[in-house]
Structures are given as C-alpha cells and as structure tokens.
Amino acid sequence: MSITIELAPELQAELVRQAATRGVGVDAYAASLIESAARLSVVPAPAADHPQSSAPPHEVVEAIETLKSFGKTHHLSLGGMTIRELRHEARP
C-alpha cells in the first residue's frame, strides 16, 4: 500500500528536526510514528469456554475509521513511499 501525506512546511520542519534528534531518516521516523499510531491494544486470547465473536469490537472499528482519514485530516505525506519501504529503510 502506498500513502501520500502532504505536510505544512512548519510540520515538515518539525518532523525533520525530531528525526535528526533520533538519528534516523525522516521517512523512517514518519513511518514509525504512523505505525505507533496504528497499533491497537493487544487483546488477550479468549478462554476456551468464552468463544470470541467474529466481529471486531466497536473500539477497533472506530480506530480503523479514524486511521483511514488520519493522513488527509492532518495533511501528511510519505512522499510516495510505501510503509514496507519505509520500514525496510529504518532497519539497520
């Protein structure tokens, strides 16, 4: 999947500053921020006597819907790179 995020110049400058502070590339840093935001809390496996519903909980559905519009809402861009490419770039 490829995501394009448009950033305001001041937000872009701050992202660059934070990435430099951490000693990573801005693309890798942006990808890590998005991955952190996208992580959902881990739900423990259900007990054998409590079968889990096949439908995701309401909170999960809300989180997914929020993330779908996150980039557009905040005018963010990954510059045409995919998350996979950004993750690969971030690995030593």
N, C-alpha and C. Protein backbone atom coordinates (compact mmCIF):
# COMPACT_ATOMS: atom_id res chain seq x y z
N MET A 1 0.85 -1.17 0.00
CA MET A 1 0.00 0.00 0.00
C MET A 1 0.89 1.23 0.00
N SER A 2 0.49 2.21 -0.74
CA SER A 2 1.23 3.47 -0.80
C SER A 2 0.34 4.57 -0.25
N ILE A 3 0.92 5.44 0.56
CA ILE A 3 0.18 6.55 1.15
C ILE A 3 0.95 7.83 0.86
N THR A 4 0.25 8.85 0.41
CA THR A 4 0.85 10.16 0.20
C THR A 4 0.31 11.10 1.25
N ILE A 5 1.20 11.78 1.93
CA ILE A 5 0.80 12.69 3.00
C ILE A 5 1.41 14.06 2.73
N GLU A 6 0.56 15.07 2.62
CA GLU A 6 1.02 16.44 2.41
C GLU A 6 1.20 17.09 3.77
N LEU A 7 2.37 17.70 4.00
CA LEU A 7 2.66 18.35 5.28
C LEU A 7 2.80 19.85 5.10
N ALA A 8 2.31 20.58 6.09
CA ALA A 8 2.56 22.02 6.13
C ALA A 8 4.06 22.19 6.36
N PRO A 9 4.66 23.24 5.82
CA PRO A 9 6.11 23.43 5.96
C PRO A 9 6.60 23.40 7.40
N GLU A 10 5.86 24.01 8.33
CA GLU A 10 6.30 24.01 9.73
C GLU A 10 6.22 22.61 10.35
N LEU A 11 5.24 21.82 9.95
CA LEU A 11 5.15 20.45 10.45
C LEU A 11 6.26 19.60 9.85
N GLN A 12 6.54 19.80 8.59
CA GLN A 12 7.63 19.08 7.93
C GLN A 12 8.96 19.40 8.62
N ALA A 13 9.20 20.66 8.91
CA ALA A 13 10.44 21.06 9.58
C ALA A 13 10.56 20.41 10.95
N GLU A 14 9.46 20.35 11.67
CA GLU A 14 9.48 19.71 13.00
C GLU A 14 9.73 18.22 12.88
N LEU A 15 9.14 17.59 11.90
CA LEU A 15 9.35 16.16 11.68
C LEU A 15 10.82 15.88 11.35
N VAL A 16 11.40 16.72 10.51
CA VAL A 16 12.82 16.59 10.16
C VAL A 16 13.68 16.77 11.41
N ARG A 17 13.35 17.78 12.23
CA ARG A 17 14.11 18.04 13.45
C ARG A 17 14.07 16.85 14.40
N GLN A 18 12.86 16.30 14.60
CA GLN A 18 12.71 15.16 15.51
C GLN A 18 13.44 13.93 14.98
N ALA A 19 13.39 13.71 13.68
CA ALA A 19 14.09 12.56 13.09
C ALA A 19 15.59 12.71 13.29
N ALA A 20 16.11 13.91 13.05
CA ALA A 20 17.54 14.16 13.22
C ALA A 20 17.97 13.96 14.67
N THR A 21 17.13 14.40 15.60
CA THR A 21 17.42 14.23 17.02
C THR A 21 17.57 12.75 17.37
N ARG A 22 16.79 11.92 16.70
CA ARG A 22 16.83 10.47 16.96
C ARG A 22 17.84 9.75 16.07
N GLY A 23 18.47 10.47 15.15
CA GLY A 23 19.48 9.87 14.30
C GLY A 23 18.92 8.93 13.24
N VAL A 24 17.70 9.19 12.78
CA VAL A 24 17.09 8.36 11.74
C VAL A 24 16.62 9.26 10.60
N GLY A 25 16.38 8.65 9.45
CA GLY A 25 15.86 9.40 8.32
C GLY A 25 14.43 9.84 8.58
N VAL A 26 14.05 10.93 7.96
CA VAL A 26 12.70 11.47 8.19
C VAL A 26 11.63 10.49 7.71
N ASP A 27 11.87 9.78 6.60
CA ASP A 27 10.88 8.82 6.11
C ASP A 27 10.68 7.68 7.10
N ALA A 28 11.79 7.17 7.63
CA ALA A 28 11.71 6.07 8.60
C ALA A 28 11.03 6.55 9.88
N TYR A 29 11.35 7.77 10.29
CA TYR A 29 10.75 8.31 11.51
C TYR A 29 9.24 8.50 11.32
N ALA A 30 8.84 9.05 10.17
CA ALA A 30 7.40 9.24 9.90
C ALA A 30 6.69 7.89 9.89
N ALA A 31 7.32 6.89 9.29
CA ALA A 31 6.71 5.56 9.26
C ALA A 31 6.55 5.01 10.67
N SER A 32 7.55 5.23 11.52
CA SER A 32 7.45 4.71 12.89
C SER A 32 6.33 5.41 13.66
N LEU A 33 6.14 6.70 13.40
CA LEU A 33 5.04 7.42 14.06
C LEU A 33 3.69 6.88 13.63
N ILE A 34 3.56 6.62 12.35
CA ILE A 34 2.30 6.10 11.84
C ILE A 34 2.06 4.69 12.37
N GLU A 35 3.10 3.87 12.39
CA GLU A 35 2.94 2.52 12.92
C GLU A 35 2.54 2.55 14.39
N SER A 36 3.15 3.44 15.16
CA SER A 36 2.79 3.57 16.58
C SER A 36 1.34 3.99 16.74
N ALA A 37 0.92 4.93 15.92
CA ALA A 37 -0.47 5.40 15.99
C ALA A 37 -1.45 4.31 15.58
N ALA A 38 -1.02 3.44 14.68
CA ALA A 38 -1.91 2.42 14.15
C ALA A 38 -2.02 1.19 15.04
N ARG A 39 -1.07 1.01 15.93
CA ARG A 39 -1.12 -0.18 16.78
C ARG A 39 -2.34 -0.14 17.68
N LEU A 40 -3.03 -1.24 17.72
CA LEU A 40 -4.18 -1.37 18.60
C LEU A 40 -3.74 -2.14 19.83
N SER A 41 -4.39 -1.88 20.94
CA SER A 41 -4.01 -2.61 22.15
C SER A 41 -4.21 -4.10 21.93
N VAL A 42 -3.28 -4.86 22.45
CA VAL A 42 -3.33 -6.31 22.29
C VAL A 42 -4.36 -6.86 23.25
N VAL A 43 -5.27 -7.63 22.70
CA VAL A 43 -6.32 -8.25 23.50
C VAL A 43 -5.90 -9.68 23.79
N PRO A 44 -5.90 -10.11 25.08
CA PRO A 44 -5.51 -11.48 25.40
C PRO A 44 -6.43 -12.49 24.72
N ALA A 45 -5.88 -13.65 24.42
CA ALA A 45 -6.67 -14.71 23.80
C ALA A 45 -7.83 -15.08 24.70
N PRO A 46 -9.01 -15.35 24.13
CA PRO A 46 -10.17 -15.70 24.95
C PRO A 46 -9.99 -17.07 25.59
N ALA A 47 -10.61 -17.23 26.72
CA ALA A 47 -10.59 -18.53 27.39
C ALA A 47 -11.37 -19.52 26.53
N ALA A 48 -11.06 -20.80 26.65
CA ALA A 48 -11.69 -21.84 25.84
C ALA A 48 -13.20 -21.85 26.02
N ASP A 49 -13.68 -21.52 27.22
CA ASP A 49 -15.12 -21.55 27.46
C ASP A 49 -15.81 -20.24 27.07
N HIS A 50 -15.07 -19.26 26.55
CA HIS A 50 -15.64 -17.99 26.12
C HIS A 50 -15.24 -17.75 24.66
N PRO A 51 -15.98 -18.33 23.71
CA PRO A 51 -15.61 -18.14 22.31
C PRO A 51 -15.68 -16.67 21.91
N GLN A 52 -14.75 -16.25 21.08
CA GLN A 52 -14.68 -14.86 20.64
C GLN A 52 -15.59 -14.64 19.45
N SER A 53 -16.27 -13.51 19.44
CA SER A 53 -17.12 -13.12 18.32
C SER A 53 -16.25 -12.87 17.09
N SER A 54 -16.78 -13.14 15.91
CA SER A 54 -16.01 -12.91 14.69
C SER A 54 -15.99 -11.43 14.32
N ALA A 55 -16.91 -10.64 14.85
CA ALA A 55 -16.94 -9.21 14.56
C ALA A 55 -15.97 -8.48 15.48
N PRO A 56 -15.21 -7.51 14.94
CA PRO A 56 -14.28 -6.77 15.80
C PRO A 56 -15.05 -5.89 16.78
N PRO A 57 -14.46 -5.62 17.94
CA PRO A 57 -15.13 -4.74 18.91
C PRO A 57 -15.35 -3.35 18.32
N HIS A 58 -16.32 -2.66 18.83
CA HIS A 58 -16.68 -1.32 18.37
C HIS A 58 -15.48 -0.38 18.40
N GLU A 59 -14.64 -0.48 19.44
CA GLU A 59 -13.47 0.39 19.56
C GLU A 59 -12.49 0.16 18.42
N VAL A 60 -12.35 -1.09 17.98
CA VAL A 60 -11.44 -1.40 16.88
C VAL A 60 -11.96 -0.78 15.59
N VAL A 61 -13.24 -0.91 15.36
CA VAL A 61 -13.84 -0.34 14.15
C VAL A 61 -13.66 1.18 14.15
N GLU A 62 -13.88 1.82 15.29
CA GLU A 62 -13.70 3.27 15.39
C GLU A 62 -12.25 3.66 15.12
N ALA A 63 -11.31 2.91 15.67
CA ALA A 63 -9.89 3.21 15.47
C ALA A 63 -9.52 3.09 13.99
N ILE A 64 -10.01 2.06 13.33
CA ILE A 64 -9.73 1.87 11.91
C ILE A 64 -10.28 3.03 11.10
N GLU A 65 -11.50 3.44 11.38
CA GLU A 65 -12.10 4.55 10.65
C GLU A 65 -11.32 5.85 10.88
N THR A 66 -10.85 6.06 12.11
CA THR A 66 -10.06 7.25 12.41
C THR A 66 -8.76 7.24 11.62
N LEU A 67 -8.10 6.08 11.57
CA LEU A 67 -6.82 5.97 10.87
C LEU A 67 -6.98 6.14 9.36
N LYS A 68 -8.11 5.71 8.83
CA LYS A 68 -8.35 5.85 7.38
C LYS A 68 -8.26 7.31 6.95
N SER A 69 -8.74 8.21 7.78
CA SER A 69 -8.76 9.62 7.40
C SER A 69 -7.62 10.42 8.03
N PHE A 70 -6.75 9.79 8.81
CA PHE A 70 -5.70 10.49 9.54
C PHE A 70 -4.81 11.32 8.62
N GLY A 71 -4.29 10.71 7.57
CA GLY A 71 -3.38 11.42 6.67
C GLY A 71 -4.00 12.63 6.02
N LYS A 72 -5.21 12.46 5.52
CA LYS A 72 -5.88 13.59 4.86
C LYS A 72 -6.20 14.68 5.86
N THR A 73 -6.68 14.30 7.03
CA THR A 73 -7.05 15.27 8.06
C THR A 73 -5.87 16.13 8.46
N HIS A 74 -4.70 15.53 8.59
CA HIS A 74 -3.51 16.23 9.08
C HIS A 74 -2.55 16.62 7.96
N HIS A 75 -2.99 16.44 6.71
CA HIS A 75 -2.20 16.83 5.54
C HIS A 75 -0.80 16.22 5.59
N LEU A 76 -0.74 14.90 5.79
CA LEU A 76 0.52 14.18 5.90
C LEU A 76 0.84 13.45 4.61
N SER A 77 2.14 13.29 4.30
CA SER A 77 2.57 12.60 3.09
C SER A 77 3.81 11.77 3.38
N LEU A 78 3.87 10.59 2.82
CA LEU A 78 5.06 9.76 2.90
C LEU A 78 5.90 9.91 1.63
N GLY A 79 5.57 10.87 0.81
CA GLY A 79 6.33 11.13 -0.39
C GLY A 79 6.29 10.00 -1.41
N GLY A 80 5.20 9.27 -1.47
CA GLY A 80 5.04 8.20 -2.45
C GLY A 80 5.65 6.87 -2.05
N MET A 81 6.31 6.81 -0.91
CA MET A 81 6.89 5.54 -0.46
C MET A 81 5.82 4.69 0.22
N THR A 82 6.04 3.40 0.23
CA THR A 82 5.13 2.52 0.94
C THR A 82 5.63 2.33 2.36
N ILE A 83 4.73 1.91 3.24
CA ILE A 83 5.11 1.62 4.63
C ILE A 83 6.20 0.54 4.64
N ARG A 84 6.05 -0.45 3.79
CA ARG A 84 7.05 -1.54 3.72
C ARG A 84 8.43 -0.97 3.36
N GLU A 85 8.48 -0.06 2.38
CA GLU A 85 9.75 0.55 2.00
C GLU A 85 10.33 1.37 3.15
N LEU A 86 9.47 2.10 3.84
CA LEU A 86 9.92 2.90 4.97
C LEU A 86 10.44 2.03 6.11
N ARG A 87 9.75 0.94 6.37
CA ARG A 87 10.21 0.03 7.43
C ARG A 87 11.55 -0.58 7.06
N HIS A 88 11.70 -0.97 5.79
CA HIS A 88 12.96 -1.55 5.34
C HIS A 88 14.10 -0.55 5.49
N GLU A 89 13.82 0.71 5.13
CA GLU A 89 14.84 1.76 5.24
C GLU A 89 15.24 1.99 6.69
N ALA A 90 14.31 1.82 7.61
CA ALA A 90 14.58 2.08 9.03
C ALA A 90 15.40 0.99 9.69
N ARG A 91 15.45 -0.19 9.09
CA ARG A 91 16.18 -1.30 9.71
C ARG A 91 17.66 -1.19 9.42
N PRO A 92 18.49 -1.50 10.44
CA PRO A 92 19.95 -1.43 10.23
C PRO A 92 20.45 -2.51 9.30
